[in-house]
């Protein structure tokens, strides 16, 4: 019996063709393919700027640093998220402040968030859990009133919208992930998006050893580093796959939404199983998330499906 994995990437000859063009070029570190991928992604989400990095975790870290977040600052993070969200805050020297979620969408509880803000709060990091957007109108207005930055962890949320705007573009910084399970993948990879030129330039410098944009084209200044930076550069191989994946993205979005609806149609009347209310006109879930009222039944179901060679996983512990 062939195993049915929980998630499998979708690749074919289009990715192979793009990869071969990179191999034939003889240039493998980020260059024209990376720029093309960044332009395609920025255009798709409706952001002015996009900066590709090695992973979604790197995107969070660079995004935070580009917002000048560091020692002595606090960043509010939902307590149900992948460990990369609070880890990236810790890595800057700032303190992640974990705040509870609300039940309907598993996103940050904005009432509890507002009570957790203090003089040290520099940013809030909402997470669009399984693509379901947080109420960005309320959060954006609150952040502007309190002079707090927003860095949105939209790792789950390619192809998801809030009031006709793609998630990640209403915040000061939005980040996305291209790890293997995501809606599109480059194996590993992440993207930072912003509409602020200064934030973009800081992010571009931070991911390239602290070099300003365009400095490498000036031979006498190609090793001039204006700030502390890191090596979070993309590769042309990742970009080549990303370009091919972007061309299929609309089809992937439709397929993911149809799959989710199929599960809801077939299982929503099964006793003990619950689905979160999901508006599939605006949300593209990257996973089929279901709730079982009994932990014992959940364990039994996982064991049963594993015997049938069907992959499952339990979401992050709060």
Foldseek 3Di string as FASTA:
>chain_A
DDFAAQFFADDDVQLVVLLVVCVVVVAKFDDDLQVVLQVLVCVQQVFPGKAKFFALLVLLLLLCVLLVQAAQAEEEEEPFDPPSNQVSNVVRNYHYDYAYADDQQRKGDVVRVVVPDDPRYAAYEIERPLQNDDQVVVVVVVCVVVVHFYEYEDQNHDQFDDPPGGPQESGQKYKYWQDRLHLHHLNGMMMIGHRDPSSNQSSNLQQPQQDGPPQCVVPVRNVPHPDGHHNGTDISSSSSSSVSRSVCNVVSQVVQLVVLVVCCVVPVPPPQKHARDDDSVGGRGSGNDIGGPDPVVVVVVCVVVVVVSYHDDDGDDD
